[in-house]
Amino acid sequence: MKSEQLQIRVSPAQKRLLQERARQAGQSVSTYVLTRCAPPLLLRFEELTASMRQAGRERLALAELHDLLEGLTPLELVEQLTSPPPEQLGPRLRNIVAAMVEHAAARKGVPAPQWTRTVLPLGTPWFASELVSLRAHLLRASPTAFRRRNLFVDATLGDRT
């Protein structure tokens, strides 16, 4: 819901350029600027990562993030996922999100966003299951992006039904 207003000063040439680009895109100037500065996909990514901190919401938010990443085009992934997950998520969740994004980028044949390189891998291994008997399987089954981050999981991007 839009409840705030923002005014910016631009030169006459900048105003004409924005108006022309918006016209070419078939959008109002406000919509044109918003979709470039705060694209809906980036906002949804930020909402999902922020919601992971809510009690009982982590698994659902990760599943929703999986679906969002799976549906992105390579260009959308590169151009719109420009913000890292919030620091408040803590190292484990930040690494899971970074691994999911890196894995999605690899599957789509594009470089991962720069921010993924700023999330330091976990110092100790984390396994998606507490069952010791599954650890050998998780060590083998984990995709590269997850293993590099010391995360050992089974199902990843594209595997969820």
N, C-alpha and C. Protein backbone atom coordinates (compact mmCIF):
# COMPACT_ATOMS: atom_id res chain seq x y z
N MET A 1 0.84 -1.17 0.00
CA MET A 1 0.00 0.00 0.00
C MET A 1 0.89 1.23 0.00
N LYS A 2 0.64 2.10 -0.92
CA LYS A 2 1.44 3.32 -1.03
C LYS A 2 0.84 4.38 -0.12
N SER A 3 1.66 4.86 0.82
CA SER A 3 1.17 5.87 1.76
C SER A 3 2.16 7.02 1.92
N GLU A 4 3.25 6.97 1.19
CA GLU A 4 4.28 8.00 1.29
C GLU A 4 4.51 8.64 -0.07
N GLN A 5 5.03 9.86 -0.01
CA GLN A 5 5.36 10.57 -1.25
C GLN A 5 6.83 10.96 -1.20
N LEU A 6 7.49 10.91 -2.36
CA LEU A 6 8.89 11.28 -2.47
C LEU A 6 9.02 12.25 -3.63
N GLN A 7 9.66 13.35 -3.38
CA GLN A 7 9.91 14.30 -4.45
C GLN A 7 11.42 14.40 -4.67
N ILE A 8 11.82 14.45 -5.94
CA ILE A 8 13.23 14.65 -6.25
C ILE A 8 13.35 15.77 -7.26
N ARG A 9 14.46 16.46 -7.22
CA ARG A 9 14.72 17.52 -8.19
C ARG A 9 15.54 16.94 -9.32
N VAL A 10 15.12 17.23 -10.54
CA VAL A 10 15.84 16.78 -11.73
C VAL A 10 15.98 17.97 -12.68
N SER A 11 16.92 17.87 -13.57
CA SER A 11 17.10 18.91 -14.57
C SER A 11 16.02 18.74 -15.64
N PRO A 12 15.77 19.76 -16.45
CA PRO A 12 14.79 19.60 -17.54
C PRO A 12 15.17 18.45 -18.48
N ALA A 13 16.46 18.27 -18.75
CA ALA A 13 16.88 17.18 -19.63
C ALA A 13 16.61 15.82 -18.99
N GLN A 14 16.86 15.69 -17.69
CA GLN A 14 16.58 14.44 -16.99
C GLN A 14 15.08 14.15 -16.97
N LYS A 15 14.29 15.19 -16.78
CA LYS A 15 12.83 15.01 -16.77
C LYS A 15 12.35 14.51 -18.13
N ARG A 16 12.85 15.14 -19.20
CA ARG A 16 12.45 14.70 -20.54
C ARG A 16 12.86 13.26 -20.80
N LEU A 17 14.08 12.91 -20.37
CA LEU A 17 14.57 11.55 -20.55
C LEU A 17 13.68 10.55 -19.79
N LEU A 18 13.37 10.84 -18.55
CA LEU A 18 12.50 9.95 -17.76
C LEU A 18 11.11 9.83 -18.40
N GLN A 19 10.58 10.96 -18.85
CA GLN A 19 9.26 10.92 -19.49
C GLN A 19 9.29 10.09 -20.77
N GLU A 20 10.34 10.24 -21.56
CA GLU A 20 10.45 9.48 -22.81
C GLU A 20 10.62 7.99 -22.53
N ARG A 21 11.49 7.65 -21.59
CA ARG A 21 11.69 6.23 -21.25
C ARG A 21 10.41 5.61 -20.69
N ALA A 22 9.69 6.36 -19.87
CA ALA A 22 8.43 5.85 -19.32
C ALA A 22 7.41 5.65 -20.44
N ARG A 23 7.36 6.60 -21.37
CA ARG A 23 6.44 6.47 -22.49
C ARG A 23 6.77 5.23 -23.31
N GLN A 24 8.06 5.02 -23.59
CA GLN A 24 8.48 3.85 -24.36
C GLN A 24 8.13 2.54 -23.64
N ALA A 25 8.17 2.58 -22.32
CA ALA A 25 7.84 1.38 -21.54
C ALA A 25 6.34 1.24 -21.32
N GLY A 26 5.57 2.25 -21.76
CA GLY A 26 4.13 2.21 -21.56
C GLY A 26 3.73 2.39 -20.10
N GLN A 27 4.52 3.19 -19.38
CA GLN A 27 4.28 3.38 -17.95
C GLN A 27 4.25 4.86 -17.60
N SER A 28 3.70 5.16 -16.44
CA SER A 28 3.80 6.52 -15.92
C SER A 28 5.24 6.71 -15.45
N VAL A 29 5.65 7.95 -15.26
CA VAL A 29 7.00 8.22 -14.80
C VAL A 29 7.22 7.59 -13.43
N SER A 30 6.25 7.71 -12.54
CA SER A 30 6.37 7.12 -11.20
C SER A 30 6.57 5.61 -11.27
N THR A 31 5.76 4.94 -12.07
CA THR A 31 5.87 3.48 -12.20
C THR A 31 7.20 3.10 -12.81
N TYR A 32 7.61 3.84 -13.83
CA TYR A 32 8.89 3.57 -14.49
C TYR A 32 10.05 3.66 -13.50
N VAL A 33 10.09 4.74 -12.72
CA VAL A 33 11.18 4.94 -11.77
C VAL A 33 11.13 3.87 -10.68
N LEU A 34 9.94 3.58 -10.15
CA LEU A 34 9.81 2.58 -9.09
C LEU A 34 10.25 1.19 -9.54
N THR A 35 9.88 0.80 -10.75
CA THR A 35 10.24 -0.54 -11.19
C THR A 35 11.74 -0.68 -11.42
N ARG A 36 12.44 0.42 -11.59
CA ARG A 36 13.88 0.34 -11.74
C ARG A 36 14.62 0.48 -10.41
N CYS A 37 14.10 1.27 -9.51
CA CYS A 37 14.77 1.50 -8.22
C CYS A 37 14.33 0.52 -7.14
N ALA A 38 13.10 0.08 -7.18
CA ALA A 38 12.58 -0.85 -6.19
C ALA A 38 11.73 -1.89 -6.91
N PRO A 39 12.39 -2.75 -7.70
CA PRO A 39 11.64 -3.73 -8.47
C PRO A 39 10.85 -4.67 -7.56
N PRO A 40 9.66 -5.06 -7.99
CA PRO A 40 8.82 -5.93 -7.15
C PRO A 40 9.52 -7.22 -6.71
N LEU A 41 10.36 -7.79 -7.56
CA LEU A 41 11.05 -9.02 -7.18
C LEU A 41 12.03 -8.79 -6.03
N LEU A 42 12.74 -7.67 -6.07
CA LEU A 42 13.66 -7.35 -4.99
C LEU A 42 12.89 -7.13 -3.70
N LEU A 43 11.77 -6.42 -3.78
CA LEU A 43 10.96 -6.19 -2.59
C LEU A 43 10.45 -7.51 -2.02
N ARG A 44 10.02 -8.44 -2.88
CA ARG A 44 9.53 -9.74 -2.42
C ARG A 44 10.66 -10.54 -1.79
N PHE A 45 11.85 -10.50 -2.39
CA PHE A 45 13.02 -11.17 -1.83
C PHE A 45 13.31 -10.62 -0.43
N GLU A 46 13.27 -9.31 -0.28
CA GLU A 46 13.54 -8.69 1.01
C GLU A 46 12.46 -9.04 2.03
N GLU A 47 11.21 -9.09 1.61
CA GLU A 47 10.11 -9.49 2.51
C GLU A 47 10.31 -10.92 3.01
N LEU A 48 10.63 -11.82 2.08
CA LEU A 48 10.80 -13.22 2.45
C LEU A 48 11.97 -13.42 3.40
N THR A 49 13.10 -12.78 3.10
CA THR A 49 14.25 -12.96 3.97
C THR A 49 14.01 -12.35 5.34
N ALA A 50 13.32 -11.23 5.39
CA ALA A 50 13.01 -10.63 6.69
C ALA A 50 12.04 -11.50 7.48
N SER A 51 11.10 -12.15 6.79
CA SER A 51 10.10 -12.96 7.50
C SER A 51 10.68 -14.25 8.07
N MET A 52 11.87 -14.65 7.64
CA MET A 52 12.48 -15.87 8.16
C MET A 52 12.76 -15.79 9.65
N ARG A 53 12.84 -14.59 10.19
CA ARG A 53 13.12 -14.40 11.61
C ARG A 53 11.89 -14.63 12.48
N GLN A 54 10.73 -14.62 11.88
CA GLN A 54 9.50 -14.79 12.66
C GLN A 54 9.36 -16.24 13.11
N ALA A 55 8.92 -16.42 14.33
CA ALA A 55 8.77 -17.76 14.90
C ALA A 55 7.86 -18.61 14.01
N GLY A 56 8.33 -19.80 13.71
CA GLY A 56 7.55 -20.74 12.92
C GLY A 56 7.45 -20.41 11.44
N ARG A 57 8.15 -19.41 10.96
CA ARG A 57 8.02 -18.96 9.57
C ARG A 57 9.20 -19.36 8.70
N GLU A 58 10.30 -19.80 9.30
CA GLU A 58 11.53 -20.05 8.55
C GLU A 58 11.33 -21.03 7.39
N ARG A 59 10.77 -22.19 7.65
CA ARG A 59 10.64 -23.21 6.59
C ARG A 59 9.74 -22.74 5.46
N LEU A 60 8.63 -22.10 5.82
CA LEU A 60 7.70 -21.61 4.80
C LEU A 60 8.36 -20.52 3.96
N ALA A 61 9.06 -19.62 4.62
CA ALA A 61 9.74 -18.54 3.89
C ALA A 61 10.82 -19.09 2.96
N LEU A 62 11.55 -20.12 3.41
CA LEU A 62 12.56 -20.74 2.55
C LEU A 62 11.91 -21.42 1.34
N ALA A 63 10.78 -22.06 1.57
CA ALA A 63 10.05 -22.69 0.45
C ALA A 63 9.55 -21.63 -0.53
N GLU A 64 9.05 -20.52 -0.01
CA GLU A 64 8.59 -19.43 -0.88
C GLU A 64 9.76 -18.81 -1.63
N LEU A 65 10.90 -18.69 -0.96
CA LEU A 65 12.09 -18.17 -1.63
C LEU A 65 12.52 -19.12 -2.75
N HIS A 66 12.48 -20.41 -2.49
CA HIS A 66 12.79 -21.40 -3.52
C HIS A 66 11.92 -21.16 -4.75
N ASP A 67 10.62 -21.02 -4.53
CA ASP A 67 9.69 -20.83 -5.65
C ASP A 67 9.97 -19.52 -6.40
N LEU A 68 10.29 -18.48 -5.65
CA LEU A 68 10.61 -17.19 -6.28
C LEU A 68 11.86 -17.35 -7.17
N LEU A 69 12.91 -17.96 -6.62
CA LEU A 69 14.16 -18.13 -7.37
C LEU A 69 13.95 -19.01 -8.59
N GLU A 70 13.18 -20.05 -8.44
CA GLU A 70 12.94 -20.98 -9.55
C GLU A 70 12.24 -20.27 -10.71
N GLY A 71 11.37 -19.31 -10.39
CA GLY A 71 10.60 -18.63 -11.42
C GLY A 71 11.30 -17.45 -12.08
N LEU A 72 12.45 -17.06 -11.58
CA LEU A 72 13.16 -15.91 -12.15
C LEU A 72 13.82 -16.26 -13.47
N THR A 73 13.85 -15.29 -14.35
CA THR A 73 14.65 -15.44 -15.56
C THR A 73 16.10 -15.14 -15.18
N PRO A 74 17.06 -15.56 -16.00
CA PRO A 74 18.46 -15.22 -15.69
C PRO A 74 18.67 -13.71 -15.54
N LEU A 75 18.06 -12.93 -16.40
CA LEU A 75 18.21 -11.47 -16.34
C LEU A 75 17.63 -10.91 -15.05
N GLU A 76 16.46 -11.39 -14.63
CA GLU A 76 15.87 -10.92 -13.38
C GLU A 76 16.77 -11.24 -12.20
N LEU A 77 17.34 -12.42 -12.18
CA LEU A 77 18.22 -12.80 -11.07
C LEU A 77 19.41 -11.86 -11.00
N VAL A 78 20.02 -11.57 -12.13
CA VAL A 78 21.21 -10.72 -12.16
C VAL A 78 20.87 -9.26 -11.83
N GLU A 79 19.80 -8.76 -12.41
CA GLU A 79 19.50 -7.33 -12.29
C GLU A 79 18.70 -6.95 -11.05
N GLN A 80 17.96 -7.89 -10.46
CA GLN A 80 17.06 -7.48 -9.40
C GLN A 80 17.43 -7.99 -8.01
N LEU A 81 18.15 -9.07 -7.89
CA LEU A 81 18.53 -9.56 -6.56
C LEU A 81 19.85 -8.93 -6.14
N THR A 82 19.79 -7.64 -5.86
CA THR A 82 21.00 -6.87 -5.61
C THR A 82 21.26 -6.61 -4.14
N SER A 83 20.35 -7.01 -3.25
CA SER A 83 20.52 -6.74 -1.83
C SER A 83 20.71 -8.04 -1.06
N PRO A 84 21.67 -8.05 -0.13
CA PRO A 84 21.87 -9.26 0.68
C PRO A 84 20.75 -9.42 1.71
N PRO A 85 20.61 -10.63 2.25
CA PRO A 85 19.64 -10.81 3.33
C PRO A 85 20.08 -10.02 4.55
N PRO A 86 19.15 -9.65 5.41
CA PRO A 86 19.52 -8.83 6.57
C PRO A 86 20.48 -9.55 7.52
N GLU A 87 21.37 -8.80 8.13
CA GLU A 87 22.34 -9.35 9.09
C GLU A 87 21.64 -10.06 10.24
N GLN A 88 20.45 -9.58 10.60
CA GLN A 88 19.72 -10.13 11.74
C GLN A 88 19.33 -11.59 11.55
N LEU A 89 19.42 -12.10 10.33
CA LEU A 89 19.09 -13.51 10.11
C LEU A 89 20.10 -14.43 10.76
N GLY A 90 21.29 -13.94 10.96
CA GLY A 90 22.33 -14.79 11.53
C GLY A 90 23.06 -15.55 10.44
N PRO A 91 24.22 -16.10 10.78
CA PRO A 91 25.07 -16.75 9.78
C PRO A 91 24.42 -17.94 9.07
N ARG A 92 23.72 -18.81 9.78
CA ARG A 92 23.16 -20.00 9.13
C ARG A 92 22.15 -19.63 8.06
N LEU A 93 21.17 -18.81 8.40
CA LEU A 93 20.14 -18.44 7.41
C LEU A 93 20.72 -17.58 6.29
N ARG A 94 21.64 -16.69 6.62
CA ARG A 94 22.26 -15.88 5.56
C ARG A 94 22.99 -16.79 4.57
N ASN A 95 23.66 -17.83 5.08
CA ASN A 95 24.35 -18.77 4.20
C ASN A 95 23.38 -19.61 3.39
N ILE A 96 22.28 -20.01 3.98
CA ILE A 96 21.28 -20.77 3.23
C ILE A 96 20.74 -19.93 2.08
N VAL A 97 20.39 -18.68 2.37
CA VAL A 97 19.87 -17.79 1.33
C VAL A 97 20.92 -17.57 0.24
N ALA A 98 22.16 -17.28 0.66
CA ALA A 98 23.23 -17.06 -0.33
C ALA A 98 23.44 -18.31 -1.18
N ALA A 99 23.43 -19.48 -0.56
CA ALA A 99 23.61 -20.73 -1.32
C ALA A 99 22.46 -20.95 -2.29
N MET A 100 21.24 -20.65 -1.86
CA MET A 100 20.09 -20.81 -2.75
C MET A 100 20.23 -19.90 -3.97
N VAL A 101 20.65 -18.66 -3.74
CA VAL A 101 20.81 -17.70 -4.84
C VAL A 101 21.95 -18.14 -5.75
N GLU A 102 23.07 -18.56 -5.16
CA GLU A 102 24.20 -19.03 -5.97
C GLU A 102 23.82 -20.25 -6.81
N HIS A 103 23.08 -21.16 -6.19
CA HIS A 103 22.65 -22.37 -6.90
C HIS A 103 21.70 -22.00 -8.05
N ALA A 104 20.79 -21.07 -7.78
CA ALA A 104 19.86 -20.62 -8.83
C ALA A 104 20.64 -19.98 -9.98
N ALA A 105 21.62 -19.16 -9.65
CA ALA A 105 22.42 -18.50 -10.68
C ALA A 105 23.17 -19.53 -11.52
N ALA A 106 23.75 -20.52 -10.87
CA ALA A 106 24.47 -21.56 -11.61
C ALA A 106 23.53 -22.33 -12.52
N ARG A 107 22.35 -22.66 -12.04
CA ARG A 107 21.37 -23.38 -12.86
C ARG A 107 20.93 -22.55 -14.07
N LYS A 108 20.92 -21.24 -13.91
CA LYS A 108 20.46 -20.36 -14.98
C LYS A 108 21.62 -19.87 -15.85
N GLY A 109 22.85 -20.26 -15.49
CA GLY A 109 24.01 -19.90 -16.31
C GLY A 109 24.43 -18.45 -16.21
N VAL A 110 24.20 -17.83 -15.06
CA VAL A 110 24.60 -16.43 -14.86
C VAL A 110 25.43 -16.33 -13.58
N PRO A 111 26.23 -15.28 -13.46
CA PRO A 111 27.01 -15.12 -12.23
C PRO A 111 26.09 -14.78 -11.06
N ALA A 112 26.45 -15.26 -9.89
CA ALA A 112 25.69 -14.93 -8.68
C ALA A 112 25.87 -13.46 -8.35
N PRO A 113 24.89 -12.84 -7.72
CA PRO A 113 25.05 -11.43 -7.33
C PRO A 113 26.30 -11.24 -6.45
N GLN A 114 26.90 -10.09 -6.57
CA GLN A 114 28.13 -9.77 -5.83
C GLN A 114 27.97 -9.97 -4.33
N TRP A 115 26.81 -9.63 -3.78
CA TRP A 115 26.65 -9.70 -2.33
C TRP A 115 26.83 -11.11 -1.79
N THR A 116 26.63 -12.16 -2.60
CA THR A 116 26.77 -13.52 -2.09
C THR A 116 28.21 -13.79 -1.64
N ARG A 117 29.16 -13.08 -2.23
CA ARG A 117 30.56 -13.27 -1.85
C ARG A 117 30.90 -12.60 -0.52
N THR A 118 30.01 -11.75 -0.03
CA THR A 118 30.26 -11.08 1.25
C THR A 118 29.73 -11.88 2.43
N VAL A 119 28.96 -12.93 2.18
CA VAL A 119 28.44 -13.78 3.25
C VAL A 119 29.47 -14.88 3.51
N LEU A 120 30.12 -14.81 4.66
CA LEU A 120 31.18 -15.76 4.98
C LEU A 120 30.60 -17.13 5.29
N PRO A 121 31.23 -18.21 4.79
CA PRO A 121 30.74 -19.56 5.06
C PRO A 121 30.75 -19.88 6.56
N LEU A 122 29.91 -20.82 6.93
CA LEU A 122 29.85 -21.25 8.32
C LEU A 122 31.18 -21.87 8.74
N GLY A 123 31.54 -21.67 9.99
CA GLY A 123 32.78 -22.24 10.50
C GLY A 123 32.67 -23.73 10.82
N THR A 124 31.48 -24.19 11.11
CA THR A 124 31.25 -25.61 11.40
C THR A 124 30.12 -26.11 10.51
N PRO A 125 30.15 -27.39 10.17
CA PRO A 125 29.11 -27.95 9.29
C PRO A 125 27.73 -27.87 9.93
N TRP A 126 26.74 -27.67 9.07
CA TRP A 126 25.35 -27.70 9.47
C TRP A 126 24.64 -28.72 8.58
N PHE A 127 23.93 -29.63 9.21
CA PHE A 127 23.22 -30.67 8.48
C PHE A 127 21.72 -30.43 8.58
N ALA A 128 21.02 -30.64 7.47
CA ALA A 128 19.58 -30.41 7.40
C ALA A 128 18.80 -31.44 8.23
N SER A 129 19.45 -32.51 8.63
CA SER A 129 18.81 -33.54 9.45
C SER A 129 19.68 -33.82 10.66
N GLU A 130 19.04 -34.08 11.78
CA GLU A 130 19.79 -34.44 12.98
C GLU A 130 20.14 -35.92 13.01
N LEU A 131 19.60 -36.69 12.07
CA LEU A 131 19.88 -38.12 12.02
C LEU A 131 21.32 -38.35 11.54
N VAL A 132 22.14 -38.89 12.40
CA VAL A 132 23.54 -39.14 12.07
C VAL A 132 23.64 -40.09 10.88
N SER A 133 22.70 -41.03 10.76
CA SER A 133 22.74 -42.00 9.67
C SER A 133 22.54 -41.35 8.30
N LEU A 134 22.00 -40.15 8.24
CA LEU A 134 21.79 -39.45 6.97
C LEU A 134 22.98 -38.57 6.56
N ARG A 135 23.89 -38.36 7.45
CA ARG A 135 24.97 -37.40 7.17
C ARG A 135 25.82 -37.78 5.96
N ALA A 136 26.13 -39.04 5.80
CA ALA A 136 26.94 -39.44 4.65
C ALA A 136 26.20 -39.13 3.35
N HIS A 137 24.90 -39.38 3.34
CA HIS A 137 24.10 -39.05 2.16
C HIS A 137 24.10 -37.55 1.91
N LEU A 138 23.89 -36.75 2.95
CA LEU A 138 23.85 -35.30 2.81
C LEU A 138 25.20 -34.76 2.33
N LEU A 139 26.28 -35.35 2.79
CA LEU A 139 27.61 -34.92 2.34
C LEU A 139 27.76 -35.11 0.84
N ARG A 140 27.22 -36.20 0.30
CA ARG A 140 27.31 -36.48 -1.13
C ARG A 140 26.27 -35.70 -1.94
N ALA A 141 25.07 -35.55 -1.40
CA ALA A 141 23.95 -35.00 -2.18
C ALA A 141 23.94 -33.48 -2.25
N SER A 142 24.61 -32.82 -1.36
CA SER A 142 24.56 -31.36 -1.31
C SER A 142 25.18 -30.74 -2.55
N PRO A 143 24.48 -29.80 -3.17
CA PRO A 143 25.06 -29.08 -4.32
C PRO A 143 26.28 -28.27 -3.89
N THR A 144 27.11 -27.97 -4.84
CA THR A 144 28.37 -27.27 -4.61
C THR A 144 28.18 -25.96 -3.84
N ALA A 145 27.20 -25.16 -4.20
CA ALA A 145 27.00 -23.87 -3.54
C ALA A 145 26.75 -24.04 -2.04
N PHE A 146 26.09 -25.13 -1.68
CA PHE A 146 25.79 -25.40 -0.27
C PHE A 146 27.03 -25.97 0.43
N ARG A 147 27.71 -26.91 -0.22
CA ARG A 147 28.90 -27.51 0.40
C ARG A 147 29.97 -26.46 0.67
N ARG A 148 30.15 -25.54 -0.28
CA ARG A 148 31.15 -24.47 -0.08
C ARG A 148 30.85 -23.65 1.16
N ARG A 149 29.61 -23.61 1.55
CA ARG A 149 29.19 -22.82 2.71
C ARG A 149 29.04 -23.66 3.97
N ASN A 150 29.48 -24.93 3.88
CA ASN A 150 29.43 -25.85 5.02
C ASN A 150 27.98 -26.20 5.39
N LEU A 151 27.11 -26.20 4.38
CA LEU A 151 25.70 -26.57 4.55
C LEU A 151 25.48 -27.89 3.83
N PHE A 152 24.82 -28.82 4.50
CA PHE A 152 24.60 -30.12 3.90
C PHE A 152 23.11 -30.42 3.89
N VAL A 153 22.56 -30.38 2.68
CA VAL A 153 21.12 -30.51 2.47
C VAL A 153 20.87 -31.56 1.40
N ASP A 154 19.64 -31.95 1.27
CA ASP A 154 19.28 -32.92 0.23
C ASP A 154 18.55 -32.21 -0.89
N ALA A 155 17.34 -31.76 -0.65
CA ALA A 155 16.55 -31.09 -1.70
C ALA A 155 16.98 -29.64 -1.81
N THR A 156 17.13 -29.19 -3.05
CA THR A 156 17.50 -27.79 -3.28
C THR A 156 16.65 -27.25 -4.41
N LEU A 157 17.08 -26.18 -5.00
CA LEU A 157 16.34 -25.52 -6.03
C LEU A 157 15.99 -26.47 -7.16
N GLY A 158 14.73 -26.52 -7.51
CA GLY A 158 14.26 -27.36 -8.59
C GLY A 158 13.84 -28.74 -8.12
N ASP A 159 14.15 -29.09 -6.87
CA ASP A 159 13.82 -30.41 -6.36
C ASP A 159 12.51 -30.43 -5.58
N ARG A 160 12.03 -29.29 -5.16
CA ARG A 160 10.82 -29.24 -4.34
C ARG A 160 9.61 -29.54 -5.18
N THR A 161 8.67 -30.30 -4.64
CA THR A 161 7.44 -30.60 -5.38
C THR A 161 6.29 -29.84 -4.79
